[in-house]
């Protein structure tokens, strides 16, 4: 039996709210329509949703939740719409607006930065409660950006004196000799995501001033050897491409009054032997060590264009390589009640 087709109507009284709700060229409505297989059109300030009863009701509820944010003067963007859709599909939409109760920090433009989904909230909670936090999952889940946000927040609050960000300079080892330019020219392209995050959070000029004063240090992983990181917030990015010796070296740099975040994507290991990844070894060895927490992201946590999540899922289904690390048991995350995580 074919499910009954219905049309639901949502009237938005405020013109500005209407424009923000639908997005440029109805882009936000298209995200909802594509995900739920419904038709969404606008007539003046009325939004009409046509499709199967259940899907139509879900789309209607998503729009209502987004309107609740707008009523709180919270401007929505594409990632907010994507998150609302994914939470609706998981049956956790009731908790959607709760994620916006706290602003982590304001960005360089004065706009508040908030978590975009439940996975990101778990990640932030883990960082706040542990000395070392591992964020493992695909690109686009916000791991690097949020790590920078929390580090900057700690610096501004006087909790640490320095931010140190590092990553393997070249994916399969650190052979920089064949690249043109001086050391900075050779290394900077590999650290571009870190610079981008800092520029977004505190601005280009402020970032450059802090770099010049040594308050923020961005360097290839090899430069960490022999150091002790005191009163610092240290971030290791692209950790899947560290060797086992490099990972041990980095983790043992931890000094007093310091925190570490280690981020990586075990599906994009570029080392000659993937089983020798320092991230995989750490994942297997450190699960039960006190004050260390592993947080796992999957395609449903991606906050980029919805197509990115679909691509990640397609590659995950299509891979024929055997998994030999602890993440296998955590590929599918059990749904939890966000209220019980507080």
Protein backbone atom coordinates (compact mmCIF):
# COMPACT_ATOMS: atom_id res chain seq x y z
CA UNK A 1 0.00 0.00 0.00
CA UNK A 2 1.35 3.41 -0.98
CA UNK A 3 1.69 5.81 1.91
CA UNK A 4 -0.75 8.68 1.82
CA UNK A 5 0.61 11.94 0.38
CA UNK A 6 -0.20 15.05 2.40
CA UNK A 7 0.63 18.74 2.27
CA UNK A 8 1.60 20.63 5.41
CA UNK A 9 1.84 24.41 5.58
CA UNK A 10 4.05 26.54 7.80
CA UNK A 11 3.47 30.29 7.92
CA UNK A 12 6.45 32.42 8.93
CA UNK A 13 5.30 35.85 10.09
CA UNK A 14 8.69 37.59 10.10
CA UNK A 15 10.21 38.27 6.67
CA UNK A 16 13.81 38.18 7.93
CA UNK A 17 13.23 34.87 9.71
CA UNK A 18 11.72 33.49 6.52
CA UNK A 19 14.78 34.47 4.47
CA UNK A 20 17.18 32.96 6.99
CA UNK A 21 15.07 29.82 7.35
CA UNK A 22 14.96 28.95 3.65
CA UNK A 23 18.54 29.96 2.79
CA UNK A 24 19.87 31.54 -0.39
CA UNK A 25 18.01 30.08 -3.34
CA UNK A 26 16.00 27.87 -0.93
CA UNK A 27 19.22 25.96 -0.21
CA UNK A 28 18.19 24.95 3.32
CA UNK A 29 14.79 23.72 2.16
CA UNK A 30 16.55 21.67 -0.53
CA UNK A 31 18.71 19.96 2.11
CA UNK A 32 15.60 18.90 4.03
CA UNK A 33 13.67 17.93 0.89
CA UNK A 34 16.50 15.77 -0.50
CA UNK A 35 17.08 13.99 2.81
CA UNK A 36 13.42 13.20 3.47
CA UNK A 37 12.23 12.77 -0.12
CA UNK A 38 9.55 15.44 0.07
CA UNK A 39 8.76 18.51 -2.01
CA UNK A 40 9.12 21.88 -0.27
CA UNK A 41 8.03 25.09 -1.95
CA UNK A 42 7.36 28.64 -0.82
CA UNK A 43 4.43 30.89 -1.58
CA UNK A 44 5.02 34.31 -0.09
CA UNK A 45 5.81 33.65 3.57
CA UNK A 46 4.23 30.23 3.58
CA UNK A 47 6.27 27.04 3.29
CA UNK A 48 4.44 24.06 1.78
CA UNK A 49 5.66 20.52 2.37
CA UNK A 50 4.26 17.73 0.18
CA UNK A 51 5.10 14.07 0.62
CA UNK A 52 4.39 10.94 2.66
CA UNK A 53 2.71 11.74 5.96
CA UNK A 54 5.60 10.70 8.22
CA UNK A 55 8.29 12.41 6.14
CA UNK A 56 6.19 15.53 5.77
CA UNK A 57 5.64 15.72 9.52
CA UNK A 58 9.36 15.27 10.14
CA UNK A 59 10.23 18.08 7.71
CA UNK A 60 7.64 20.32 9.36
CA UNK A 61 9.09 19.63 12.82
CA UNK A 62 12.64 20.34 11.60
CA UNK A 63 11.56 23.72 10.29
CA UNK A 64 9.84 24.48 13.59
CA UNK A 65 13.04 23.67 15.49
CA UNK A 66 15.04 25.93 13.21
CA UNK A 67 12.51 28.68 13.77
CA UNK A 68 13.02 28.29 17.52
CA UNK A 69 16.72 29.11 17.01
CA UNK A 70 15.89 32.14 14.90
CA UNK A 71 13.50 33.34 17.60
CA UNK A 72 16.51 33.30 19.98
CA UNK A 73 18.46 35.50 17.54
CA UNK A 74 20.66 32.56 16.55
CA UNK A 75 21.42 32.77 12.85
CA UNK A 76 21.39 29.36 11.20
CA UNK A 77 23.69 28.06 8.49
CA UNK A 78 23.92 24.95 6.35
CA UNK A 79 25.57 22.77 9.02
CA UNK A 80 22.72 23.57 11.44
CA UNK A 81 20.17 22.35 8.92
CA UNK A 82 22.17 19.20 8.21
CA UNK A 83 22.45 18.49 11.95
CA UNK A 84 18.71 18.96 12.45
CA UNK A 85 17.96 16.50 9.65
CA UNK A 86 20.36 13.89 11.00
CA UNK A 87 19.03 14.21 14.53
CA UNK A 88 15.47 13.85 13.21
CA UNK A 89 16.47 10.68 11.38
CA UNK A 90 17.99 9.33 14.60
CA UNK A 91 14.97 10.28 16.69
CA UNK A 92 16.91 12.81 18.81
CA UNK A 93 15.51 16.04 17.35
CA UNK A 94 13.98 16.96 20.72
CA UNK A 95 17.49 17.75 21.93
CA UNK A 96 18.48 19.83 18.89
CA UNK A 97 17.98 23.30 20.40
CA UNK A 98 19.75 22.25 23.63
CA UNK A 99 23.06 22.22 21.77
CA UNK A 100 22.80 25.96 21.23
CA UNK A 101 22.48 26.89 24.89
CA UNK A 102 26.23 27.39 25.27
CA UNK A 103 28.63 29.39 23.12
CA UNK A 104 32.16 28.00 23.34
CA UNK A 105 33.80 31.27 22.32
CA UNK A 106 33.25 34.13 19.88
CA UNK A 107 35.06 34.04 16.56
CA UNK A 108 37.10 36.80 14.94
CA UNK A 109 33.89 38.42 13.69
CA UNK A 110 32.26 38.37 17.12
CA UNK A 111 29.92 35.52 16.26
CA UNK A 112 29.43 32.76 18.86
CA UNK A 113 30.85 29.34 18.06
CA UNK A 114 28.67 26.43 19.14
CA UNK A 115 28.74 22.67 18.68
CA UNK A 116 26.83 21.46 15.65
CA UNK A 117 25.80 17.96 16.68
CA UNK A 118 25.77 15.47 19.54
CA UNK A 119 29.11 13.95 18.47
CA UNK A 120 30.79 17.33 18.77
CA UNK A 121 29.27 17.86 22.20
CA UNK A 122 30.68 14.53 23.41
CA UNK A 123 34.06 15.60 22.06
CA UNK A 124 33.99 18.94 23.89
CA UNK A 125 32.85 17.27 27.12
CA UNK A 126 35.69 14.75 26.86
CA UNK A 127 38.28 17.50 26.36
CA UNK A 128 37.02 19.35 29.42
CA UNK A 129 37.12 16.27 31.63
CA UNK A 130 40.35 14.57 30.53
CA UNK A 131 44.04 15.34 30.21
CA UNK A 132 44.41 13.67 26.81
CA UNK A 133 41.54 13.34 24.34
CA UNK A 134 41.67 11.39 21.09
CA UNK A 135 39.24 12.41 18.35
CA UNK A 136 38.99 9.69 15.71
CA UNK A 137 36.81 9.98 12.63
CA UNK A 138 36.46 11.21 9.05
CA UNK A 139 37.22 14.63 7.65
CA UNK A 140 34.56 17.29 8.02
CA UNK A 141 33.49 16.43 11.56
CA UNK A 142 35.06 19.55 13.07
CA UNK A 143 37.79 17.83 15.09
CA UNK A 144 40.60 20.23 14.23
CA UNK A 145 38.50 23.37 14.37
CA UNK A 146 36.97 22.55 17.76
CA UNK A 147 40.38 21.60 19.17
CA UNK A 148 41.65 25.05 18.21
CA UNK A 149 38.53 26.69 19.67
CA UNK A 150 38.95 24.98 23.05
CA UNK A 151 42.70 25.73 23.09
CA UNK A 152 42.10 29.43 22.38
CA UNK A 153 39.38 29.54 25.04
CA UNK A 154 41.82 28.05 27.58
CA UNK A 155 44.49 30.59 26.59
CA UNK A 156 42.09 33.52 26.93
CA UNK A 157 40.94 32.26 30.33
CA UNK A 158 44.54 32.10 31.57
CA UNK A 159 44.37 28.33 32.05
CA UNK A 160 47.44 27.77 29.85
CA UNK A 161 50.27 29.99 28.67
CA UNK A 162 50.86 28.53 25.22
CA UNK A 163 49.17 26.69 22.38
CA UNK A 164 51.31 24.19 20.49
CA UNK A 165 49.95 22.63 17.31
CA UNK A 166 51.79 19.94 15.39
CA UNK A 167 51.31 17.26 12.77
CA UNK A 168 53.43 15.02 10.57
CA UNK A 169 54.79 17.45 7.97
CA UNK A 170 54.61 14.99 5.11
CA UNK A 171 52.18 12.10 5.11
CA UNK A 172 54.55 9.17 4.57
CA UNK A 173 57.42 10.36 6.76
CA UNK A 174 58.79 13.88 6.93
CA UNK A 175 61.03 14.13 3.83
CA UNK A 176 60.92 17.86 3.14
CA UNK A 177 64.15 18.19 1.22
CA UNK A 178 62.66 17.99 -2.27
CA UNK A 179 60.19 20.82 -1.61
CA UNK A 180 61.13 24.38 -2.66
CA UNK A 181 61.83 27.24 -0.23
CA UNK A 182 63.08 27.49 3.34
CA UNK A 183 61.79 25.34 6.20
CA UNK A 184 58.71 27.49 6.76
CA UNK A 185 57.84 27.34 3.06
CA UNK A 186 58.22 23.57 3.10
CA UNK A 187 56.12 22.99 6.22
CA UNK A 188 53.34 25.59 6.00
CA UNK A 189 51.25 23.91 3.27
CA UNK A 190 50.81 20.87 5.49
CA UNK A 191 49.77 23.04 8.42
CA UNK A 192 47.31 25.16 6.43
CA UNK A 193 44.17 23.74 8.15
CA UNK A 194 45.58 24.85 11.51
CA UNK A 195 46.26 28.38 10.29
CA UNK A 196 42.77 28.53 8.77
CA UNK A 197 41.17 27.54 12.07
CA UNK A 198 43.21 30.10 14.04
CA UNK A 199 42.41 32.86 11.55
CA UNK A 200 38.70 32.06 11.82
CA UNK A 201 38.74 32.05 15.62
CA UNK A 202 41.04 34.96 16.51
CA UNK A 203 41.78 36.67 13.21
CA UNK A 204 44.84 36.74 10.97
CA UNK A 205 46.59 39.71 12.60
CA UNK A 206 46.13 38.45 16.16
CA UNK A 207 47.30 34.98 15.12
CA UNK A 208 50.46 36.45 13.59
CA UNK A 209 51.19 38.50 16.74
CA UNK A 210 50.83 35.45 18.96
CA UNK A 211 53.03 33.42 16.62
CA UNK A 212 55.72 36.09 16.73
CA UNK A 213 55.64 36.14 20.55
CA UNK A 214 55.75 32.36 20.76
CA UNK A 215 52.39 32.16 22.52
CA UNK A 216 51.19 30.01 19.63
CA UNK A 217 53.62 27.60 18.07
CA UNK A 218 52.91 25.61 14.91
CA UNK A 219 55.60 23.11 13.98
CA UNK A 220 56.18 19.71 12.39
CA UNK A 221 56.01 16.77 14.76
CA UNK A 222 59.74 16.02 14.53
CA UNK A 223 60.41 19.31 16.35
CA UNK A 224 58.67 18.06 19.51
CA UNK A 225 61.40 15.59 20.39
CA UNK A 226 63.26 16.31 23.62
CA UNK A 227 60.79 18.91 24.89
CA UNK A 228 58.51 19.02 27.90
CA UNK A 229 55.26 20.92 27.35
CA UNK A 230 54.42 22.75 30.58
CA UNK A 231 51.38 25.03 31.00
CA UNK A 232 50.44 24.32 27.41
CA UNK A 233 47.58 23.14 25.26
CA UNK A 234 49.03 20.78 22.66
CA UNK A 235 47.18 19.56 19.57
CA UNK A 236 48.41 16.77 17.30
CA UNK A 237 46.53 16.74 14.00
CA UNK A 238 46.56 14.07 11.25
CA UNK A 239 47.72 11.63 13.92
CA UNK A 240 46.95 8.59 11.75
CA UNK A 241 50.17 9.37 9.88
CA UNK A 242 52.44 9.30 12.91
CA UNK A 243 54.67 6.30 13.38
CA UNK A 244 54.42 4.39 16.63
CA UNK A 245 57.66 5.97 17.85
CA UNK A 246 56.41 9.46 16.98
CA UNK A 247 53.13 8.96 18.84
CA UNK A 248 54.90 7.73 21.97
CA UNK A 249 57.32 10.64 21.72
CA UNK A 250 54.50 13.19 21.47
CA UNK A 251 52.37 11.77 24.30
CA UNK A 252 55.35 11.65 26.66
CA UNK A 253 56.00 15.38 26.14
CA UNK A 254 53.08 16.08 28.50
CA UNK A 255 54.07 18.35 31.38
CA UNK A 256 52.23 19.74 34.39
CA UNK A 257 49.15 21.88 33.87
CA UNK A 258 48.93 20.79 30.24
CA UNK A 259 46.36 19.16 28.00
CA UNK A 260 46.60 17.28 24.75
CA UNK A 261 44.22 16.62 21.89
CA UNK A 262 45.12 13.99 19.30
CA UNK A 263 43.02 13.93 16.12
CA UNK A 264 43.10 11.54 13.20
CA UNK A 265 41.21 9.62 10.54
CA UNK A 266 42.15 5.95 10.47
CA UNK A 267 40.56 5.58 7.02
CA UNK A 268 43.22 7.88 5.51
CA UNK A 269 46.52 6.42 6.67
CA UNK A 270 49.33 7.25 4.23
CA UNK A 271 52.12 5.35 5.95
CA UNK A 272 53.68 2.49 3.93
CA UNK A 273 52.37 0.01 6.50
CA UNK A 274 49.00 1.04 7.88
CA UNK A 275 49.28 -1.33 10.83
CA UNK A 276 52.28 0.67 12.06
CA UNK A 277 50.24 3.83 12.59
CA UNK A 278 50.93 5.36 15.98
CA UNK A 279 47.26 6.28 16.30
CA UNK A 280 46.11 2.68 15.92
CA UNK A 281 48.68 1.47 18.44
CA UNK A 282 47.67 4.17 20.94
CA UNK A 283 44.03 3.26 20.45
CA UNK A 284 44.78 -0.35 21.32
CA UNK A 285 47.07 0.40 24.27
CA UNK A 286 45.50 3.39 26.02
CA UNK A 287 41.76 2.69 26.18
CA UNK A 288 41.83 1.95 29.92
CA UNK A 289 44.43 4.52 31.00
CA UNK A 290 42.95 7.08 33.45
CA UNK A 291 42.46 10.66 32.24
CA UNK A 292 42.56 9.57 28.58
CA UNK A 293 39.37 9.46 26.52
CA UNK A 294 38.67 8.31 22.97
CA UNK A 295 35.81 9.98 21.08
CA UNK A 296 34.64 8.48 17.79
CA UNK A 297 33.00 10.32 14.91
CA UNK A 298 31.35 8.81 11.85
CA UNK A 299 29.77 10.04 8.63
CA UNK A 300 26.65 11.18 10.48
CA UNK A 301 28.80 13.74 12.34
CA UNK A 302 30.08 15.44 9.17
CA UNK A 303 29.12 19.12 9.16
CA UNK A 304 30.06 19.86 5.57
CA UNK A 305 27.87 19.53 2.48
CA UNK A 306 25.62 16.44 2.89
CA UNK A 307 27.28 14.94 -0.18
CA UNK A 308 30.50 14.58 1.84
CA UNK A 309 28.78 12.26 4.32
CA UNK A 310 27.38 10.22 1.44
CA UNK A 311 30.85 9.92 -0.09
CA UNK A 312 32.35 8.76 3.22
CA UNK A 313 29.60 6.17 3.66
CA UNK A 314 30.06 4.92 0.09
CA UNK A 315 33.79 4.44 0.61
CA UNK A 316 33.16 2.71 3.93
CA UNK A 317 30.80 0.25 2.26
CA UNK A 318 33.13 -0.31 -0.66
CA UNK A 319 36.38 -0.90 1.16
CA UNK A 320 37.67 -4.46 1.14
CA UNK A 321 40.57 -3.93 3.51
CA UNK A 322 40.36 -5.85 6.79
CA UNK A 323 40.20 -3.76 9.95
CA UNK A 324 42.70 -4.68 12.65
CA UNK A 325 42.22 -1.95 15.20
CA UNK A 326 39.91 -1.15 18.08
CA UNK A 327 37.75 1.22 16.03
CA UNK A 328 36.02 -1.71 14.35
CA UNK A 329 33.84 -2.24 17.41
CA UNK A 330 32.92 1.44 17.40
CA UNK A 331 32.12 1.99 13.71
CA UNK A 332 28.43 2.19 14.57
CA UNK A 333 27.86 4.35 17.62
CA UNK A 334 24.93 3.44 19.87
CA UNK A 335 22.42 6.21 20.23
CA UNK A 336 22.43 7.76 23.67
CA UNK A 337 20.11 10.13 25.36
CA UNK A 338 21.97 13.48 25.36
CA UNK A 339 20.23 14.43 28.62
CA UNK A 340 22.04 11.55 30.36
CA UNK A 341 25.41 12.74 29.14
CA UNK A 342 25.24 16.00 31.11
